[in-house]
């Protein structure tokens, strides 16, 4: 092990020499939260939620937003189309397999974007060629070339991904990449599709492509890493060190199986260690925490407390030794400041006398875009809450806005009234009235293991939708005895998983609202 010399010690924060951003290589951030991230089980979003996340990603400074897989469903197509027509400042990308129908559908979805991209992919590894595609190497190359050429005829900005690239034979990978660039691809993405490689291996792959593919200088190299072995962020950074100019990642690292490289981690690693990577990005790091919380809310996937950068414990210090060091010099135990990534020192900002403009402004600071009827609806709920609570916290505002967004896909069922009685000596009783459009329906249930279980029975009885509860979580959105209770649940219906969220100062009402949210998602499909 090398000895530590005085020159190699990390200096206090203010003593670290400044790097010149103009001399640094700029890395594109390609966010696939709305496509790969949404493929996490139970993390599907409705159109309003996708638009809200897309706005937040554009505000964050993301270069490319992969908005979805247009051929997958009419809903996916419509989401990509509306994001393309609405979002400014970021390139809007649609994913497509290397076939005509996929590519034409993606082109149609992104055609009205301020800046558009079509991302085509085709598996190249031997295991995928043999067992999934049943195609020869020559057929793979021809399919890739034809796909890229068709995409280029519809869009100037085309990205090609050889799926499972990191398990593809190097000679064949070089051949496919060269052919794709000759066909017009402007970005070549090298996915570690199954999260298999190590940082040393991916560095060699990117270095090899830069040195062996003769036309590599005509395209940007991109990295897309999965986290199956917990190395997605490390592999992405190793690829950057080897010359990658784009990182594909997701907020909070969500995605299929173990997820993708976390955007907030790769961005802050490059920013904090600019002395090593000598790179910069367009990301406004102070938006990282608000966007992280937004994505957590709309997907129902909680951020672990000790998650790097955005976790609740990321800047918490309990050890006496650490606290002593922090009091003397923050850089002894903090390599970045909490304010740098968007943690706020103050939380309480609004009260019952605050107006719509103040609410909209605070919501924007927290990562939301609300106006028009949506703002009016949230403001109405805000006023009702302000009458119940003395103090309104950021968490309350987030919960109210998110509740509105999650129900924007249409409400087949809504809550009219409920009545709950329970005691230790007798079974709970829930009297519930729901509205199905213009018709109100009621039921009274006197069974179940407590009022929450009874509420489940009552909702099922009225709606006629049978659900299996797979996950149920209740938490307080803020501090105090009068805090909003936020319920997130995951239910199964006919073999598919659906998510629901509900907020209220009453946990039974929160549960009913969460169930109706899930049932309305089922009805929408």
Protein backbone atom coordinates (compact mmCIF):
# COMPACT_ATOMS: atom_id res chain seq x y z
CA UNK A 1 0.00 0.00 0.00
CA UNK A 2 1.29 3.45 -0.90
CA UNK A 3 2.25 5.73 1.93
CA UNK A 4 0.37 8.98 2.37
CA UNK A 5 2.53 11.98 1.69
CA UNK A 6 1.65 15.50 2.79
CA UNK A 7 0.91 16.42 -0.83
CA UNK A 8 -1.69 13.64 -1.20
CA UNK A 9 -3.80 14.60 1.81
CA UNK A 10 -7.20 16.15 1.12
CA UNK A 11 -7.05 19.79 2.03
CA UNK A 12 -9.90 21.65 3.78
CA UNK A 13 -12.65 22.57 1.34
CA UNK A 14 -11.63 26.18 0.87
CA UNK A 15 -8.04 25.14 0.19
CA UNK A 16 -8.86 22.79 -2.71
CA UNK A 17 -7.62 24.44 -5.91
CA UNK A 18 -10.37 25.52 -8.30
CA UNK A 19 -10.53 23.79 -11.67
CA UNK A 20 -11.33 25.79 -14.77
CA UNK A 21 -14.78 24.66 -16.04
CA UNK A 22 -14.02 25.99 -19.52
CA UNK A 23 -11.07 23.60 -19.85
CA UNK A 24 -13.03 20.58 -18.61
CA UNK A 25 -14.66 17.96 -20.82
CA UNK A 26 -18.46 18.23 -20.63
CA UNK A 27 -20.28 14.96 -20.01
CA UNK A 28 -23.82 14.61 -21.29
CA UNK A 29 -26.35 13.32 -18.75
CA UNK A 30 -28.91 11.03 -20.38
CA UNK A 31 -31.73 10.36 -17.93
CA UNK A 32 -33.85 7.25 -18.44
CA UNK A 33 -35.99 7.48 -15.30
CA UNK A 34 -39.14 7.69 -17.42
CA UNK A 35 -38.20 4.63 -19.48
CA UNK A 36 -35.81 2.22 -17.76
CA UNK A 37 -36.68 3.57 -14.32
CA UNK A 38 -40.41 3.12 -14.88
CA UNK A 39 -39.78 -0.55 -15.61
CA UNK A 40 -39.19 -1.13 -11.89
CA UNK A 41 -42.04 -3.37 -10.66
CA UNK A 42 -44.88 -1.20 -9.36
CA UNK A 43 -43.23 2.06 -10.44
CA UNK A 44 -45.46 2.87 -13.42
CA UNK A 45 -46.56 6.51 -13.69
CA UNK A 46 -49.60 8.14 -15.22
CA UNK A 47 -49.29 10.88 -17.84
CA UNK A 48 -49.49 13.76 -15.35
CA UNK A 49 -46.77 12.20 -13.19
CA UNK A 50 -44.50 11.67 -16.21
CA UNK A 51 -44.94 15.28 -17.30
CA UNK A 52 -44.14 16.49 -13.79
CA UNK A 53 -40.96 14.40 -13.67
CA UNK A 54 -39.98 15.56 -17.17
CA UNK A 55 -40.33 19.21 -16.13
CA UNK A 56 -38.16 18.51 -13.06
CA UNK A 57 -35.49 16.78 -15.16
CA UNK A 58 -35.36 19.73 -17.59
CA UNK A 59 -35.03 22.15 -14.66
CA UNK A 60 -32.28 19.93 -13.28
CA UNK A 61 -30.29 20.44 -16.49
CA UNK A 62 -30.50 16.93 -17.95
CA UNK A 63 -29.18 16.90 -21.53
CA UNK A 64 -31.31 14.03 -22.83
CA UNK A 65 -34.60 12.75 -21.38
CA UNK A 66 -35.50 9.25 -22.56
CA UNK A 67 -39.25 9.74 -22.23
CA UNK A 68 -40.38 6.19 -22.96
CA UNK A 69 -40.75 3.29 -25.38
CA UNK A 70 -43.46 4.55 -27.79
CA UNK A 71 -44.28 1.19 -29.38
CA UNK A 72 -44.87 -0.44 -25.98
CA UNK A 73 -48.41 0.90 -25.52
CA UNK A 74 -50.72 3.76 -26.58
CA UNK A 75 -50.13 5.28 -23.13
CA UNK A 76 -46.37 5.23 -23.57
CA UNK A 77 -46.68 6.78 -27.02
CA UNK A 78 -48.94 9.57 -25.73
CA UNK A 79 -46.60 10.29 -22.82
CA UNK A 80 -43.54 10.61 -25.08
CA UNK A 81 -45.53 12.74 -27.54
CA UNK A 82 -46.77 15.17 -24.87
CA UNK A 83 -43.36 15.43 -23.23
CA UNK A 84 -41.82 16.15 -26.65
CA UNK A 85 -44.36 18.90 -27.29
CA UNK A 86 -44.09 20.42 -23.81
CA UNK A 87 -40.54 20.22 -22.49
CA UNK A 88 -37.93 22.76 -23.56
CA UNK A 89 -34.18 22.84 -22.91
CA UNK A 90 -33.54 19.08 -23.07
CA UNK A 91 -33.40 16.62 -25.98
CA UNK A 92 -36.42 14.29 -25.88
CA UNK A 93 -35.64 10.71 -26.82
CA UNK A 94 -37.80 7.72 -27.73
CA UNK A 95 -36.57 4.13 -27.57
CA UNK A 96 -37.03 1.67 -30.43
CA UNK A 97 -35.92 -1.81 -31.36
CA UNK A 98 -34.17 -2.19 -34.71
CA UNK A 99 -37.33 -2.74 -36.70
CA UNK A 100 -39.44 -0.51 -38.92
CA UNK A 101 -42.61 -0.34 -36.78
CA UNK A 102 -40.71 0.63 -33.61
CA UNK A 103 -38.62 3.28 -35.31
CA UNK A 104 -41.52 4.92 -37.16
CA UNK A 105 -43.57 4.99 -33.95
CA UNK A 106 -40.70 6.58 -32.01
CA UNK A 107 -40.15 9.13 -34.80
CA UNK A 108 -43.84 10.09 -34.69
CA UNK A 109 -43.74 10.48 -30.91
CA UNK A 110 -40.73 12.84 -30.78
CA UNK A 111 -41.24 14.73 -34.06
CA UNK A 112 -42.51 17.92 -32.38
CA UNK A 113 -39.75 18.16 -29.79
CA UNK A 114 -37.55 21.24 -29.68
CA UNK A 115 -34.65 18.77 -29.88
CA UNK A 116 -35.35 15.09 -30.61
CA UNK A 117 -33.47 11.80 -30.62
CA UNK A 118 -34.31 8.23 -31.62
CA UNK A 119 -32.52 5.53 -29.63
CA UNK A 120 -32.38 2.18 -31.43
CA UNK A 121 -31.03 -1.00 -29.90
CA UNK A 122 -30.22 -4.56 -30.91
CA UNK A 123 -28.64 -7.33 -28.86
CA UNK A 124 -25.13 -8.37 -29.95
CA UNK A 125 -23.76 -10.83 -27.38
CA UNK A 126 -23.39 -14.50 -28.32
CA UNK A 127 -25.92 -15.60 -25.70
CA UNK A 128 -28.53 -13.16 -27.03
CA UNK A 129 -27.78 -14.00 -30.67
CA UNK A 130 -28.22 -17.71 -30.03
CA UNK A 131 -31.10 -17.89 -27.58
CA UNK A 132 -33.14 -14.68 -28.02
CA UNK A 133 -32.69 -13.45 -31.58
CA UNK A 134 -31.56 -16.67 -33.32
CA UNK A 135 -29.60 -14.55 -35.80
CA UNK A 136 -26.11 -14.84 -37.27
CA UNK A 137 -23.48 -12.12 -36.74
CA UNK A 138 -23.92 -10.96 -40.35
CA UNK A 139 -27.67 -10.68 -39.87
CA UNK A 140 -27.15 -8.66 -36.68
CA UNK A 141 -24.88 -6.17 -38.46
CA UNK A 142 -27.33 -5.78 -41.36
CA UNK A 143 -30.29 -5.31 -39.00
CA UNK A 144 -28.36 -2.67 -37.04
CA UNK A 145 -27.37 -0.78 -40.19
CA UNK A 146 -30.90 -0.85 -41.60
CA UNK A 147 -32.35 0.32 -38.30
CA UNK A 148 -29.92 3.21 -37.91
CA UNK A 149 -30.41 4.32 -41.52
CA UNK A 150 -34.18 4.39 -41.12
CA UNK A 151 -33.90 6.35 -37.87
CA UNK A 152 -31.48 8.83 -39.48
CA UNK A 153 -34.00 9.42 -42.28
CA UNK A 154 -36.49 10.56 -39.62
CA UNK A 155 -34.22 12.32 -37.10
CA UNK A 156 -30.77 13.92 -37.22
CA UNK A 157 -29.82 12.71 -33.73
CA UNK A 158 -29.68 8.90 -33.56
CA UNK A 159 -28.25 6.74 -30.79
CA UNK A 160 -27.43 3.07 -31.27
CA UNK A 161 -27.06 0.55 -28.43
CA UNK A 162 -25.61 -2.94 -28.92
CA UNK A 163 -27.60 -4.55 -26.09
CA UNK A 164 -25.47 -6.65 -23.71
CA UNK A 165 -22.40 -4.99 -25.24
CA UNK A 166 -20.18 -5.76 -22.27
CA UNK A 167 -20.61 -9.51 -22.85
CA UNK A 168 -20.13 -9.22 -26.61
CA UNK A 169 -16.90 -10.49 -28.23
CA UNK A 170 -14.62 -7.49 -28.73
CA UNK A 171 -14.00 -8.09 -32.44
CA UNK A 172 -17.72 -8.32 -33.18
CA UNK A 173 -18.54 -5.33 -30.96
CA UNK A 174 -16.04 -3.20 -32.89
CA UNK A 175 -17.54 -4.38 -36.17
CA UNK A 176 -21.13 -3.51 -35.17
CA UNK A 177 -20.15 -0.12 -33.73
CA UNK A 178 -18.20 0.85 -36.86
CA UNK A 179 -21.12 -0.16 -39.09
CA UNK A 180 -23.63 1.78 -36.97
CA UNK A 181 -21.53 4.95 -37.13
CA UNK A 182 -21.11 4.57 -40.90
CA UNK A 183 -24.90 4.28 -41.11
CA UNK A 184 -25.28 7.64 -39.33
CA UNK A 185 -25.40 7.00 -35.57
CA UNK A 186 -24.15 10.05 -33.68
CA UNK A 187 -24.05 8.38 -30.25
CA UNK A 188 -22.91 4.84 -29.48
CA UNK A 189 -24.15 3.54 -26.17
CA UNK A 190 -22.33 0.57 -24.58
CA UNK A 191 -24.75 -1.06 -22.10
CA UNK A 192 -23.76 -3.32 -19.24
CA UNK A 193 -27.26 -4.74 -19.58
CA UNK A 194 -27.03 -7.30 -16.78
CA UNK A 195 -24.65 -5.47 -14.43
CA UNK A 196 -21.90 -8.03 -14.98
CA UNK A 197 -18.62 -6.20 -15.57
CA UNK A 198 -16.16 -4.60 -13.18
CA UNK A 199 -14.74 -1.05 -13.41
CA UNK A 200 -11.40 -2.38 -14.72
CA UNK A 201 -13.16 -4.37 -17.44
CA UNK A 202 -15.41 -1.57 -18.63
CA UNK A 203 -12.45 0.81 -18.75
CA UNK A 204 -10.72 -1.66 -21.12
CA UNK A 205 -13.84 -1.97 -23.29
CA UNK A 206 -14.18 1.79 -23.79
CA UNK A 207 -10.44 2.23 -24.30
CA UNK A 208 -10.52 -0.59 -26.84
CA UNK A 209 -13.41 0.98 -28.79
CA UNK A 210 -11.68 4.37 -28.91
CA UNK A 211 -8.50 2.82 -30.25
CA UNK A 212 -9.84 0.10 -32.56
CA UNK A 213 -12.94 1.58 -34.21
CA UNK A 214 -11.60 3.81 -37.01
CA UNK A 215 -14.60 6.16 -37.18
CA UNK A 216 -15.14 6.41 -33.42
CA UNK A 217 -14.33 10.12 -33.51
CA UNK A 218 -17.59 10.72 -35.41
CA UNK A 219 -19.81 9.64 -32.49
CA UNK A 220 -20.10 10.18 -28.75
CA UNK A 221 -19.45 7.13 -26.60
CA UNK A 222 -22.06 6.53 -23.93
CA UNK A 223 -22.29 4.21 -20.92
CA UNK A 224 -25.43 2.55 -19.51
CA UNK A 225 -24.78 0.43 -16.42
CA UNK A 226 -27.05 -1.74 -14.32
CA UNK A 227 -26.46 -2.36 -10.63
CA UNK A 228 -26.86 -6.13 -10.28
CA UNK A 229 -23.45 -6.42 -8.57
CA UNK A 230 -23.61 -2.96 -7.00
CA UNK A 231 -21.09 -1.43 -9.41
CA UNK A 232 -23.25 0.69 -11.75
CA UNK A 233 -21.92 4.04 -10.54
CA UNK A 234 -18.31 2.84 -10.35
CA UNK A 235 -18.56 1.33 -13.84
CA UNK A 236 -20.09 4.53 -15.27
CA UNK A 237 -17.27 6.62 -13.82
CA UNK A 238 -14.66 4.17 -15.10
CA UNK A 239 -16.17 4.53 -18.58
CA UNK A 240 -15.90 8.33 -18.29
CA UNK A 241 -12.26 7.98 -17.28
CA UNK A 242 -11.77 5.87 -20.42
CA UNK A 243 -13.33 8.51 -22.69
CA UNK A 244 -17.13 8.16 -22.50
CA UNK A 245 -18.89 11.45 -23.22
CA UNK A 246 -22.36 10.48 -21.99
CA UNK A 247 -23.71 8.68 -18.92
CA UNK A 248 -27.13 7.03 -18.97
CA UNK A 249 -28.62 6.99 -15.48
CA UNK A 250 -31.78 7.40 -13.42
CA UNK A 251 -32.88 9.45 -10.42
CA UNK A 252 -32.30 7.46 -7.21
CA UNK A 253 -30.84 4.66 -9.35
CA UNK A 254 -34.26 3.11 -10.00
CA UNK A 255 -34.69 0.64 -12.84
CA UNK A 256 -35.16 -3.00 -13.70
CA UNK A 257 -33.97 -5.59 -11.17
CA UNK A 258 -31.32 -3.87 -8.99
CA UNK A 259 -31.64 -0.61 -10.91
CA UNK A 260 -29.36 1.70 -12.90
CA UNK A 261 -26.51 4.05 -12.13
CA UNK A 262 -27.82 6.83 -9.87
CA UNK A 263 -27.72 10.23 -11.56
CA UNK A 264 -27.10 12.12 -8.33
CA UNK A 265 -24.10 9.91 -7.49
CA UNK A 266 -22.31 10.08 -10.83
CA UNK A 267 -22.89 13.84 -11.07
CA UNK A 268 -21.61 14.62 -7.59
CA UNK A 269 -18.68 12.23 -7.95
CA UNK A 270 -17.51 14.13 -11.03
CA UNK A 271 -18.19 17.49 -9.40
CA UNK A 272 -16.55 16.69 -6.06
CA UNK A 273 -13.60 14.93 -7.69
CA UNK A 274 -13.14 17.34 -10.55
CA UNK A 275 -9.42 17.16 -9.81
CA UNK A 276 -9.49 13.49 -10.90
CA UNK A 277 -12.15 13.28 -13.64
CA UNK A 278 -11.57 16.79 -15.07
CA UNK A 279 -15.18 16.77 -16.28
CA UNK A 280 -18.26 18.92 -15.85
CA UNK A 281 -22.00 18.58 -16.51
CA UNK A 282 -24.96 20.93 -17.02
CA UNK A 283 -26.66 19.62 -13.88
CA UNK A 284 -27.82 22.15 -11.28
CA UNK A 285 -26.81 20.12 -8.24
CA UNK A 286 -29.04 22.13 -5.89
CA UNK A 287 -32.05 20.52 -7.61
CA UNK A 288 -30.91 16.95 -6.84
CA UNK A 289 -32.76 16.50 -3.54
CA UNK A 290 -36.08 18.00 -4.75
CA UNK A 291 -36.03 15.83 -7.88
CA UNK A 292 -35.08 12.76 -5.85
CA UNK A 293 -38.05 13.33 -3.54
CA UNK A 294 -40.39 13.91 -6.47
CA UNK A 295 -39.41 10.64 -8.17
CA UNK A 296 -39.68 8.79 -4.87
CA UNK A 297 -43.20 10.14 -4.40
CA UNK A 298 -44.51 9.39 -7.89
CA UNK A 299 -43.03 5.89 -8.05
CA UNK A 300 -43.67 4.90 -4.44
CA UNK A 301 -40.06 3.70 -4.16
CA UNK A 302 -38.56 5.06 -0.94
CA UNK A 303 -35.01 6.33 -0.78
CA UNK A 304 -33.01 4.44 1.84
CA UNK A 305 -31.86 6.62 4.71
CA UNK A 306 -28.15 6.02 4.07
CA UNK A 307 -28.41 6.55 0.30
CA UNK A 308 -25.46 8.57 -1.00
CA UNK A 309 -26.12 12.25 -1.79
CA UNK A 310 -29.91 12.35 -1.25
CA UNK A 311 -30.57 10.01 1.69
CA UNK A 312 -31.78 11.48 4.99
CA UNK A 313 -28.56 10.36 6.70
CA UNK A 314 -26.21 11.50 3.91
CA UNK A 315 -25.08 14.50 5.98
CA UNK A 316 -25.95 13.26 9.48
CA UNK A 317 -23.17 12.90 12.06
CA UNK A 318 -23.77 11.01 15.29
CA UNK A 319 -20.30 9.86 16.29
CA UNK A 320 -18.75 12.13 18.93
CA UNK A 321 -15.44 12.09 17.08
CA UNK A 322 -17.17 13.13 13.85
CA UNK A 323 -19.19 15.84 15.57
CA UNK A 324 -16.06 17.25 17.19
CA UNK A 325 -14.30 17.35 13.83
CA UNK A 326 -17.31 18.98 12.15
CA UNK A 327 -17.43 21.73 14.75
CA UNK A 328 -13.78 22.52 14.14
CA UNK A 329 -13.72 22.16 10.35
CA UNK A 330 -16.60 20.81 8.21
CA UNK A 331 -14.30 19.32 5.58
CA UNK A 332 -12.90 16.86 8.15
CA UNK A 333 -15.98 14.69 7.58
CA UNK A 334 -17.93 16.37 4.76
CA UNK A 335 -16.59 16.36 1.20
CA UNK A 336 -19.56 18.44 -0.01
CA UNK A 337 -22.15 20.62 1.69
CA UNK A 338 -25.80 19.61 2.10
CA UNK A 339 -26.87 22.92 0.53
CA UNK A 340 -24.85 22.01 -2.58
CA UNK A 341 -27.23 19.13 -3.39
CA UNK A 342 -30.45 20.83 -2.33
CA UNK A 343 -30.98 20.10 1.35
CA UNK A 344 -32.62 23.15 2.94
CA UNK A 345 -31.81 24.42 6.42
CA UNK A 346 -35.34 25.76 6.91
CA UNK A 347 -38.57 23.92 6.28
CA UNK A 348 -41.52 25.96 7.57
CA UNK A 349 -42.54 28.61 5.04
CA UNK A 350 -46.29 28.91 4.59
CA UNK A 351 -49.41 29.44 6.71
CA UNK A 352 -53.17 29.81 6.43
CA UNK A 353 -52.85 33.40 5.15
CA UNK A 354 -50.52 32.54 2.27
CA UNK A 355 -51.81 32.99 -1.27
CA UNK A 356 -51.72 31.04 -4.52
CA UNK A 357 -48.57 32.78 -5.77
CA UNK A 358 -46.63 31.85 -2.62
CA UNK A 359 -47.83 28.25 -2.84
CA UNK A 360 -46.90 27.96 -6.53
CA UNK A 361 -43.48 29.50 -5.89
CA UNK A 362 -42.73 27.13 -3.00
CA UNK A 363 -43.98 24.15 -5.00
CA UNK A 364 -41.60 25.11 -7.82
CA UNK A 365 -38.71 25.28 -5.33
CA UNK A 366 -39.65 21.77 -4.21
CA UNK A 367 -39.52 20.51 -7.80
CA UNK A 368 -43.15 20.82 -8.98
CA UNK A 369 -44.78 22.81 -11.78
CA UNK A 370 -48.38 23.63 -10.92
CA UNK A 371 -50.63 26.29 -12.44
CA UNK A 372 -54.18 26.84 -13.65
CA UNK A 373 -56.80 24.38 -12.42
CA UNK A 374 -54.15 22.18 -10.85
CA UNK A 375 -52.92 25.08 -8.71
CA UNK A 376 -56.48 25.94 -7.72
CA UNK A 377 -57.18 22.36 -6.65
CA UNK A 378 -53.99 22.13 -4.60
CA UNK A 379 -54.63 25.55 -3.07
CA UNK A 380 -58.10 24.47 -1.97
CA UNK A 381 -56.65 21.44 -0.19
CA UNK A 382 -53.88 23.62 1.24
CA UNK A 383 -56.42 25.94 2.83
CA UNK A 384 -58.34 23.02 4.31
CA UNK A 385 -55.13 21.63 5.77
CA UNK A 386 -54.09 25.06 7.10
CA UNK A 387 -57.31 25.19 9.08
CA UNK A 388 -56.45 21.87 10.72
CA UNK A 389 -52.74 22.53 11.34
CA UNK A 390 -50.94 25.48 12.87
CA UNK A 391 -47.81 25.01 10.77
CA UNK A 392 -47.44 23.96 7.13
CA UNK A 393 -44.17 22.24 6.24
CA UNK A 394 -42.51 21.44 2.92
CA UNK A 395 -43.50 17.81 3.39
CA UNK A 396 -47.17 18.81 3.64
CA UNK A 397 -46.93 20.75 0.38
CA UNK A 398 -45.16 17.87 -1.36
CA UNK A 399 -47.84 15.46 -0.17
CA UNK A 400 -50.70 17.69 -1.35
CA UNK A 401 -49.18 18.33 -4.78
CA UNK A 402 -48.31 14.69 -5.27
CA UNK A 403 -51.82 13.61 -4.28
CA UNK A 404 -53.19 15.91 -6.99
CA UNK A 405 -50.72 14.66 -9.61
CA UNK A 406 -51.39 11.01 -8.82
CA UNK A 407 -55.13 11.51 -9.36
CA UNK A 408 -54.80 13.58 -12.55
CA UNK A 409 -55.17 10.51 -14.73
CA UNK A 410 -58.91 10.54 -14.08
CA UNK A 411 -61.00 9.55 -11.08
CA UNK A 412 -63.56 6.82 -11.69
CA UNK A 413 -64.00 6.46 -7.93
CA UNK A 414 -63.77 9.22 -5.32
CA UNK A 415 -64.38 9.44 -1.58
CA UNK A 416 -67.58 11.12 -0.42
CA UNK A 417 -67.72 10.27 3.29
CA UNK A 418 -66.68 7.69 5.85
CA UNK A 419 -67.37 6.85 9.46
CA UNK A 420 -65.22 4.62 11.67
CA UNK A 421 -65.83 3.18 15.13
CA UNK A 422 -63.63 0.65 16.88
CA UNK A 423 -62.75 -0.56 20.35
CA UNK A 424 -60.79 -3.31 22.02
CA UNK A 425 -63.92 -5.29 22.86
CA UNK A 426 -65.70 -5.34 19.50
CA UNK A 427 -65.04 -5.64 15.77
CA UNK A 428 -64.38 -2.43 13.85
CA UNK A 429 -67.20 -0.77 11.95
CA UNK A 430 -66.66 1.26 8.78
CA UNK A 431 -69.47 3.04 6.97
CA UNK A 432 -68.21 4.22 3.60
CA UNK A 433 -69.72 6.24 0.75
CA UNK A 434 -67.97 6.49 -2.62
CA UNK A 435 -68.87 8.25 -5.84
CA UNK A 436 -68.72 6.49 -9.20
CA UNK A 437 -69.18 9.49 -11.48
CA UNK A 438 -72.59 10.95 -10.63
CA UNK A 439 -73.78 7.96 -8.60
CA UNK A 440 -73.02 7.47 -4.91
CA UNK A 441 -72.70 4.01 -3.41
CA UNK A 442 -72.45 3.06 0.26
CA UNK A 443 -71.50 0.02 2.31
CA UNK A 444 -71.16 -0.79 5.99
CA UNK A 445 -68.58 -3.35 7.13
CA UNK A 446 -68.28 -4.81 10.61
CA UNK A 447 -65.39 -7.20 10.08
CA UNK A 448 -61.65 -7.11 9.72
CA UNK A 449 -58.58 -6.92 11.87
CA UNK A 450 -58.85 -3.27 12.84
CA UNK A 451 -60.21 -0.16 11.06
CA UNK A 452 -57.64 -0.28 8.22
CA UNK A 453 -58.57 -3.85 7.29
CA UNK A 454 -62.25 -2.97 7.53
CA UNK A 455 -61.70 -0.03 5.19
CA UNK A 456 -60.11 -2.41 2.66
CA UNK A 457 -63.17 -4.67 2.82
CA UNK A 458 -65.55 -1.73 2.39
CA UNK A 459 -63.74 -0.33 -0.66
CA UNK A 460 -63.67 -3.76 -2.32
CA UNK A 461 -67.35 -4.32 -1.59
CA UNK A 462 -68.43 -1.02 -3.17
CA UNK A 463 -66.11 -1.01 -6.21
CA UNK A 464 -66.29 -4.73 -6.91
CA UNK A 465 -62.53 -4.75 -7.52
CA UNK A 466 -60.75 -7.57 -5.69
CA UNK A 467 -57.24 -6.68 -4.56
CA UNK A 468 -54.39 -8.50 -2.88
CA UNK A 469 -52.33 -6.14 -0.75
CA UNK A 470 -48.63 -6.83 -1.37
CA UNK A 471 -47.16 -3.86 0.48
CA UNK A 472 -48.57 -1.25 2.85
CA UNK A 473 -46.58 1.64 4.29
CA UNK A 474 -47.72 4.60 6.35
CA UNK A 475 -45.48 7.49 7.32
CA UNK A 476 -45.80 11.05 8.51
CA UNK A 477 -45.06 13.61 5.82
CA UNK A 478 -43.77 16.09 8.42
CA UNK A 479 -43.25 16.55 12.15
CA UNK A 480 -45.72 16.74 15.00
CA UNK A 481 -48.88 15.02 16.17
CA UNK A 482 -50.93 16.80 13.50
CA UNK A 483 -48.69 15.65 10.64
CA UNK A 484 -50.19 14.43 7.39
CA UNK A 485 -50.28 10.64 7.25
CA UNK A 486 -49.05 9.40 3.89
CA UNK A 487 -50.05 5.88 2.84
CA UNK A 488 -48.26 4.10 -0.01
CA UNK A 489 -49.52 0.68 -0.96
CA UNK A 490 -48.96 -1.88 -3.67
CA UNK A 491 -51.78 -4.17 -4.69
CA UNK A 492 -52.14 -7.07 -7.10
CA UNK A 493 -55.09 -7.36 -9.48
CA UNK A 494 -55.33 -10.13 -12.06
CA UNK A 495 -51.61 -10.82 -11.83
CA UNK A 496 -50.46 -7.20 -12.23
CA UNK A 497 -49.09 -4.83 -9.62
CA UNK A 498 -50.54 -1.38 -9.08
CA UNK A 499 -49.45 1.42 -6.77
CA UNK A 500 -51.63 3.79 -4.80
CA UNK A 501 -50.93 6.80 -2.60
CA UNK A 502 -53.15 8.78 -0.26
CA UNK A 503 -52.60 11.66 2.17
CA UNK A 504 -54.69 12.94 5.05
CA UNK A 505 -54.32 13.82 8.70
CA UNK A 506 -56.37 10.64 9.29
CA UNK A 507 -54.58 7.39 8.45
CA UNK A 508 -57.86 5.57 7.69
CA UNK A 509 -58.79 8.24 5.15
CA UNK A 510 -55.26 8.07 3.71
CA UNK A 511 -55.71 4.32 3.27
CA UNK A 512 -59.07 4.71 1.51
CA UNK A 513 -57.61 7.37 -0.81
CA UNK A 514 -54.59 5.17 -1.59
CA UNK A 515 -56.86 2.24 -2.44
CA UNK A 516 -59.01 4.41 -4.70
CA UNK A 517 -55.87 5.76 -6.37
CA UNK A 518 -54.80 2.19 -7.20
CA UNK A 519 -58.31 1.20 -8.34
CA UNK A 520 -58.51 4.26 -10.60
CA UNK A 521 -55.19 3.25 -12.16
CA UNK A 522 -56.68 -0.18 -12.83
CA UNK A 523 -59.80 1.42 -14.35
CA UNK A 524 -57.66 3.72 -16.53
CA UNK A 525 -56.07 0.69 -18.17
